C-alpha cells in the first residue's frame, strides 16, 4: 500500500477506515489472528498474542466497496491503530479481578455491620 488504492469496481480513490466490533465494554477495532479459533475457558478464544494484527478497511466513497487488510504497522499513511485483542483481554481480566476484590470487601463490610 505504497500509494493511494483505487477501487477495483469504479476506480475511485479508496478511503482509510476500520470496522467496529461491539463488545460488552463498548466498541473496538477488529483484529486478525492466524489459524483456527480455539476456545478459552476465561476469555472466549485463545490468541497468539504476538501475532494479532489490527484490521484496516478501505471503502470506496462512490460505490461502497470494502477491502480489508491486516497491517502490522503504519505503512505509507495507512495507520494501524487501536488495542490488540490480547491487550483488551488482559485489561478485561484485571478489571474483572479488581471488581471481584471490591465486591468481596463490600460484602465483608456489610457482614461486619450486621454482626454488631
N, C-alpha and C. Protein backbone atom coordinates (compact mmCIF):
# COMPACT_ATOMS: atom_id res chain seq x y z
N UNK A 1 0.83 -1.19 0.00
CA UNK A 1 0.00 0.00 0.00
C UNK A 1 0.88 1.25 0.00
N UNK A 2 1.76 1.33 -0.97
CA UNK A 2 2.70 2.45 -1.03
C UNK A 2 2.07 3.70 -1.62
N UNK A 3 0.90 3.58 -2.23
CA UNK A 3 0.22 4.75 -2.78
C UNK A 3 -1.27 4.60 -2.57
N UNK A 4 -2.04 5.56 -3.03
CA UNK A 4 -3.49 5.51 -2.89
C UNK A 4 -4.02 4.26 -3.59
N UNK A 5 -5.00 3.63 -2.95
CA UNK A 5 -5.59 2.41 -3.51
C UNK A 5 -6.83 2.80 -4.31
N UNK A 6 -6.93 2.23 -5.50
CA UNK A 6 -8.05 2.51 -6.40
C UNK A 6 -9.08 1.39 -6.29
N UNK A 7 -10.34 1.75 -6.27
CA UNK A 7 -11.43 0.77 -6.22
C UNK A 7 -11.38 -0.10 -7.48
N UNK A 8 -11.48 -1.42 -7.29
CA UNK A 8 -11.42 -2.32 -8.44
C UNK A 8 -12.72 -2.31 -9.25
N UNK A 9 -13.77 -1.73 -8.69
CA UNK A 9 -15.06 -1.71 -9.38
C UNK A 9 -15.30 -0.42 -10.15
N UNK A 10 -15.10 0.74 -9.50
CA UNK A 10 -15.42 2.00 -10.18
C UNK A 10 -14.22 2.93 -10.32
N UNK A 11 -13.04 2.52 -9.81
CA UNK A 11 -11.76 3.22 -9.98
C UNK A 11 -11.67 4.56 -9.23
N UNK A 12 -12.49 4.76 -8.19
CA UNK A 12 -12.36 5.93 -7.33
C UNK A 12 -11.28 5.65 -6.28
N UNK A 13 -10.73 6.70 -5.66
CA UNK A 13 -9.72 6.51 -4.61
C UNK A 13 -10.41 6.06 -3.33
N UNK A 14 -9.88 4.98 -2.72
CA UNK A 14 -10.46 4.39 -1.51
C UNK A 14 -10.12 5.24 -0.28
N UNK A 15 -11.03 5.25 0.71
CA UNK A 15 -10.82 5.95 1.98
C UNK A 15 -10.39 4.95 3.05
N UNK A 16 -9.47 5.36 3.94
CA UNK A 16 -8.99 4.51 5.03
C UNK A 16 -9.97 4.57 6.20
N UNK A 17 -10.22 3.44 6.83
CA UNK A 17 -11.09 3.38 8.00
C UNK A 17 -10.91 2.05 8.71
N UNK A 18 -11.88 1.68 9.53
CA UNK A 18 -11.82 0.41 10.24
C UNK A 18 -13.24 -0.06 10.53
N UNK A 19 -13.38 -1.36 10.77
CA UNK A 19 -14.67 -1.94 11.12
C UNK A 19 -14.75 -2.08 12.64
N UNK A 20 -15.95 -1.93 13.17
CA UNK A 20 -16.14 -1.99 14.62
C UNK A 20 -16.58 -3.37 15.07
N UNK A 21 -16.11 -3.76 16.23
CA UNK A 21 -16.61 -4.94 16.94
C UNK A 21 -17.33 -4.42 18.17
N UNK A 22 -18.59 -4.78 18.34
CA UNK A 22 -19.33 -4.39 19.53
C UNK A 22 -19.05 -5.41 20.63
N UNK A 23 -18.58 -4.93 21.79
CA UNK A 23 -18.28 -5.79 22.92
C UNK A 23 -19.07 -5.31 24.13
N UNK A 24 -18.95 -6.03 25.24
CA UNK A 24 -19.63 -5.62 26.47
C UNK A 24 -19.07 -4.30 26.99
N UNK A 25 -17.82 -3.99 26.64
CA UNK A 25 -17.20 -2.76 27.14
C UNK A 25 -17.28 -1.62 26.15
N UNK A 26 -17.97 -1.79 25.04
CA UNK A 26 -18.09 -0.72 24.06
C UNK A 26 -17.69 -1.20 22.68
N UNK A 27 -17.15 -0.30 21.89
CA UNK A 27 -16.74 -0.63 20.53
C UNK A 27 -15.23 -0.73 20.45
N UNK A 28 -14.75 -1.69 19.67
CA UNK A 28 -13.32 -1.91 19.48
C UNK A 28 -13.04 -2.07 17.98
N UNK A 29 -11.79 -1.87 17.61
CA UNK A 29 -11.38 -2.12 16.24
C UNK A 29 -11.22 -3.62 16.03
N UNK A 30 -11.63 -4.13 14.87
CA UNK A 30 -11.46 -5.54 14.58
C UNK A 30 -9.99 -5.89 14.49
N UNK A 31 -9.67 -7.13 14.81
CA UNK A 31 -8.31 -7.64 14.73
C UNK A 31 -8.30 -8.95 13.97
N UNK A 32 -7.14 -9.29 13.43
CA UNK A 32 -6.95 -10.54 12.70
C UNK A 32 -5.98 -11.40 13.49
N UNK A 33 -6.25 -12.71 13.55
CA UNK A 33 -5.38 -13.65 14.22
C UNK A 33 -5.22 -14.87 13.32
N UNK A 34 -4.00 -15.42 13.22
CA UNK A 34 -3.79 -16.57 12.33
C UNK A 34 -4.38 -17.87 12.89
N UNK A 35 -4.65 -18.81 11.99
CA UNK A 35 -5.08 -20.14 12.39
C UNK A 35 -6.57 -20.25 12.68
N UNK A 36 -6.94 -21.40 13.19
CA UNK A 36 -8.33 -21.68 13.56
C UNK A 36 -8.62 -21.16 14.97
N UNK A 37 -9.84 -20.68 15.24
CA UNK A 37 -10.17 -20.24 16.60
C UNK A 37 -10.18 -21.41 17.57
N UNK A 38 -9.56 -21.19 18.76
CA UNK A 38 -9.52 -22.21 19.80
C UNK A 38 -10.19 -21.64 21.05
N UNK A 39 -11.22 -22.32 21.56
CA UNK A 39 -11.93 -21.81 22.73
C UNK A 39 -11.03 -21.69 23.96
N UNK A 40 -11.30 -20.66 24.76
CA UNK A 40 -10.61 -20.44 26.03
C UNK A 40 -11.68 -20.38 27.12
N UNK A 41 -11.42 -21.00 28.24
CA UNK A 41 -12.40 -21.03 29.33
C UNK A 41 -12.72 -19.63 29.84
N UNK A 42 -11.70 -18.78 30.01
CA UNK A 42 -11.89 -17.47 30.63
C UNK A 42 -12.15 -16.35 29.64
N UNK A 43 -11.51 -16.39 28.47
CA UNK A 43 -11.52 -15.21 27.62
C UNK A 43 -12.19 -15.40 26.26
N UNK A 44 -12.95 -16.44 26.05
CA UNK A 44 -13.62 -16.64 24.78
C UNK A 44 -12.78 -17.42 23.79
N UNK A 45 -11.63 -16.86 23.39
CA UNK A 45 -10.72 -17.53 22.46
C UNK A 45 -9.29 -17.40 22.93
N UNK A 46 -8.49 -18.43 22.67
CA UNK A 46 -7.05 -18.36 22.92
C UNK A 46 -6.41 -17.64 21.75
N UNK A 47 -5.45 -16.77 22.03
CA UNK A 47 -4.80 -16.00 20.97
C UNK A 47 -3.30 -16.15 21.01
N UNK A 48 -2.69 -16.10 19.83
CA UNK A 48 -1.24 -15.96 19.74
C UNK A 48 -0.99 -14.46 19.85
N UNK A 49 -0.73 -13.99 21.07
CA UNK A 49 -0.70 -12.55 21.36
C UNK A 49 0.25 -11.76 20.49
N UNK A 50 1.37 -12.35 20.10
CA UNK A 50 2.34 -11.62 19.30
C UNK A 50 1.97 -11.59 17.81
N UNK A 51 0.89 -12.29 17.42
CA UNK A 51 0.52 -12.35 16.01
C UNK A 51 -0.81 -11.66 15.70
N UNK A 52 -1.44 -11.03 16.67
CA UNK A 52 -2.71 -10.35 16.45
C UNK A 52 -2.45 -9.01 15.76
N UNK A 53 -3.18 -8.76 14.67
CA UNK A 53 -2.99 -7.53 13.90
C UNK A 53 -4.31 -6.77 13.78
N UNK A 54 -4.28 -5.44 13.92
CA UNK A 54 -5.50 -4.66 13.70
C UNK A 54 -5.87 -4.69 12.21
N UNK A 55 -7.16 -4.69 11.94
CA UNK A 55 -7.65 -4.72 10.56
C UNK A 55 -7.96 -3.30 10.11
N UNK A 56 -7.33 -2.88 9.01
CA UNK A 56 -7.61 -1.60 8.38
C UNK A 56 -8.49 -1.88 7.17
N UNK A 57 -9.58 -1.14 7.04
CA UNK A 57 -10.51 -1.36 5.94
C UNK A 57 -10.59 -0.11 5.08
N UNK A 58 -10.52 -0.32 3.78
CA UNK A 58 -10.66 0.77 2.82
C UNK A 58 -12.07 0.71 2.25
N UNK A 59 -12.67 1.90 2.03
CA UNK A 59 -14.03 2.00 1.49
C UNK A 59 -14.04 2.91 0.29
N UNK A 60 -14.73 2.49 -0.75
CA UNK A 60 -14.89 3.35 -1.92
C UNK A 60 -16.02 4.33 -1.63
N UNK A 61 -15.77 5.65 -1.74
CA UNK A 61 -16.82 6.62 -1.46
C UNK A 61 -17.90 6.64 -2.53
N UNK A 62 -17.61 6.10 -3.69
CA UNK A 62 -18.57 6.14 -4.79
C UNK A 62 -19.51 4.93 -4.76
N UNK A 63 -18.96 3.72 -4.71
CA UNK A 63 -19.82 2.52 -4.82
C UNK A 63 -19.96 1.75 -3.50
N UNK A 64 -19.16 2.10 -2.45
CA UNK A 64 -19.28 1.46 -1.14
C UNK A 64 -18.51 0.16 -0.99
N UNK A 65 -17.75 -0.24 -1.99
CA UNK A 65 -16.97 -1.47 -1.92
C UNK A 65 -15.98 -1.39 -0.76
N UNK A 66 -15.84 -2.49 0.02
CA UNK A 66 -14.93 -2.56 1.16
C UNK A 66 -13.81 -3.55 0.86
N UNK A 67 -12.59 -3.19 1.31
CA UNK A 67 -11.41 -4.04 1.15
C UNK A 67 -10.64 -3.95 2.46
N UNK A 68 -10.36 -5.09 3.09
CA UNK A 68 -9.72 -5.09 4.40
C UNK A 68 -8.30 -5.65 4.34
N UNK A 69 -7.42 -5.10 5.21
CA UNK A 69 -6.02 -5.51 5.29
C UNK A 69 -5.62 -5.62 6.75
N UNK A 70 -4.81 -6.62 7.06
CA UNK A 70 -4.21 -6.75 8.40
C UNK A 70 -2.80 -6.20 8.29
N UNK A 71 -2.64 -4.95 8.68
CA UNK A 71 -1.38 -4.24 8.51
C UNK A 71 -0.67 -4.16 9.86
N UNK A 72 0.56 -4.69 9.98
CA UNK A 72 1.23 -4.74 11.28
C UNK A 72 1.62 -3.38 11.85
N UNK A 73 1.96 -2.41 11.02
CA UNK A 73 2.39 -1.09 11.49
C UNK A 73 1.88 -0.04 10.52
N UNK A 74 2.14 1.23 10.86
CA UNK A 74 1.80 2.31 9.95
C UNK A 74 2.65 2.14 8.69
N UNK A 75 1.99 2.06 7.55
CA UNK A 75 2.70 1.89 6.29
C UNK A 75 2.19 2.91 5.28
N UNK A 76 3.04 3.86 4.93
CA UNK A 76 2.72 4.82 3.88
C UNK A 76 1.39 5.53 4.09
N UNK A 77 1.17 6.03 5.27
CA UNK A 77 -0.02 6.82 5.52
C UNK A 77 -1.24 6.01 5.91
N UNK A 78 -1.19 4.69 5.87
CA UNK A 78 -2.31 3.86 6.31
C UNK A 78 -2.01 3.43 7.73
N UNK A 79 -2.76 3.97 8.68
CA UNK A 79 -2.46 3.73 10.09
C UNK A 79 -3.15 2.49 10.61
N UNK A 80 -2.40 1.70 11.33
CA UNK A 80 -2.96 0.56 12.06
C UNK A 80 -3.05 1.00 13.51
N UNK A 81 -4.25 1.28 13.99
CA UNK A 81 -4.40 1.82 15.33
C UNK A 81 -5.26 0.91 16.19
N UNK A 82 -5.38 1.26 17.45
CA UNK A 82 -6.24 0.51 18.36
C UNK A 82 -5.48 -0.53 19.15
N UNK A 83 -6.12 -1.00 20.19
CA UNK A 83 -5.53 -2.04 21.03
C UNK A 83 -5.73 -3.40 20.37
N UNK A 84 -4.78 -4.28 20.60
CA UNK A 84 -4.94 -5.65 20.10
C UNK A 84 -5.91 -6.38 21.00
N UNK A 85 -6.43 -7.50 20.51
CA UNK A 85 -7.36 -8.30 21.31
C UNK A 85 -6.72 -8.78 22.60
N UNK A 86 -5.44 -9.14 22.53
CA UNK A 86 -4.77 -9.63 23.74
C UNK A 86 -4.64 -8.52 24.77
N UNK A 87 -4.42 -7.28 24.34
CA UNK A 87 -4.35 -6.16 25.29
C UNK A 87 -5.72 -5.92 25.92
N UNK A 88 -6.78 -6.00 25.11
CA UNK A 88 -8.13 -5.82 25.64
C UNK A 88 -8.47 -6.93 26.62
N UNK A 89 -8.07 -8.17 26.31
CA UNK A 89 -8.36 -9.29 27.19
C UNK A 89 -7.62 -9.16 28.50
N UNK A 90 -6.37 -8.72 28.47
CA UNK A 90 -5.60 -8.52 29.70
C UNK A 90 -6.24 -7.44 30.55
N UNK A 91 -6.64 -6.35 29.92
CA UNK A 91 -7.29 -5.26 30.64
C UNK A 91 -8.60 -5.73 31.24
N UNK A 92 -9.37 -6.50 30.48
CA UNK A 92 -10.65 -7.02 30.99
C UNK A 92 -10.42 -7.93 32.18
N UNK A 93 -9.41 -8.78 32.12
CA UNK A 93 -9.12 -9.69 33.24
C UNK A 93 -8.75 -8.91 34.49
N UNK A 94 -7.95 -7.87 34.35
CA UNK A 94 -7.56 -7.03 35.50
C UNK A 94 -8.78 -6.34 36.09
N UNK A 95 -9.64 -5.78 35.22
CA UNK A 95 -10.83 -5.09 35.70
C UNK A 95 -11.79 -6.05 36.39
N UNK A 96 -11.96 -7.23 35.86
CA UNK A 96 -12.82 -8.23 36.50
C UNK A 96 -12.26 -8.61 37.87
N UNK A 97 -10.95 -8.80 37.94
CA UNK A 97 -10.30 -9.13 39.22
C UNK A 97 -10.49 -8.03 40.24
N UNK A 98 -10.30 -6.77 39.82
CA UNK A 98 -10.50 -5.64 40.73
C UNK A 98 -11.95 -5.54 41.18
N UNK A 99 -12.87 -5.81 40.26
CA UNK A 99 -14.29 -5.77 40.61
C UNK A 99 -14.64 -6.84 41.64
N UNK A 100 -14.08 -8.02 41.48
CA UNK A 100 -14.34 -9.10 42.44
C UNK A 100 -13.75 -8.77 43.81
N UNK A 101 -12.57 -8.20 43.85
CA UNK A 101 -11.96 -7.80 45.13
C UNK A 101 -12.82 -6.74 45.80
N UNK A 102 -13.28 -5.75 45.04
CA UNK A 102 -14.12 -4.70 45.60
C UNK A 102 -15.43 -5.28 46.14
N UNK A 103 -16.01 -6.23 45.42
CA UNK A 103 -17.24 -6.86 45.86
C UNK A 103 -17.03 -7.64 47.16
N UNK A 104 -15.92 -8.35 47.26
CA UNK A 104 -15.63 -9.10 48.48
C UNK A 104 -15.44 -8.17 49.67
N UNK A 105 -14.76 -7.05 49.48
CA UNK A 105 -14.56 -6.08 50.55
C UNK A 105 -15.90 -5.51 50.99
N UNK A 106 -16.74 -5.16 50.01
CA UNK A 106 -18.05 -4.61 50.32
C UNK A 106 -18.90 -5.60 51.11
N UNK A 107 -18.90 -6.86 50.68
CA UNK A 107 -19.66 -7.88 51.41
C UNK A 107 -19.12 -8.07 52.83
N UNK A 108 -17.80 -8.02 52.98
CA UNK A 108 -17.20 -8.13 54.32
C UNK A 108 -17.64 -7.00 55.22
N UNK A 109 -17.66 -5.79 54.69
CA UNK A 109 -18.09 -4.63 55.48
C UNK A 109 -19.56 -4.78 55.87
N UNK A 110 -20.41 -5.21 54.93
CA UNK A 110 -21.84 -5.38 55.22
C UNK A 110 -22.03 -6.42 56.32
N UNK A 111 -21.33 -7.53 56.24
CA UNK A 111 -21.47 -8.56 57.27
C UNK A 111 -20.96 -8.08 58.62
N UNK A 112 -19.89 -7.29 58.64
CA UNK A 112 -19.39 -6.74 59.91
C UNK A 112 -20.39 -5.78 60.54
N UNK A 113 -21.02 -4.96 59.72
CA UNK A 113 -22.01 -4.00 60.24
C UNK A 113 -23.22 -4.74 60.77
N UNK A 114 -23.68 -5.78 60.07
CA UNK A 114 -24.86 -6.54 60.52
C UNK A 114 -24.56 -7.35 61.76
N UNK A 115 -23.31 -7.75 61.95
CA UNK A 115 -22.94 -8.58 63.11
C UNK A 115 -22.99 -7.77 64.41
N UNK A 116 -22.87 -6.47 64.34
CA UNK A 116 -22.87 -5.63 65.53
C UNK A 116 -24.22 -5.39 66.06
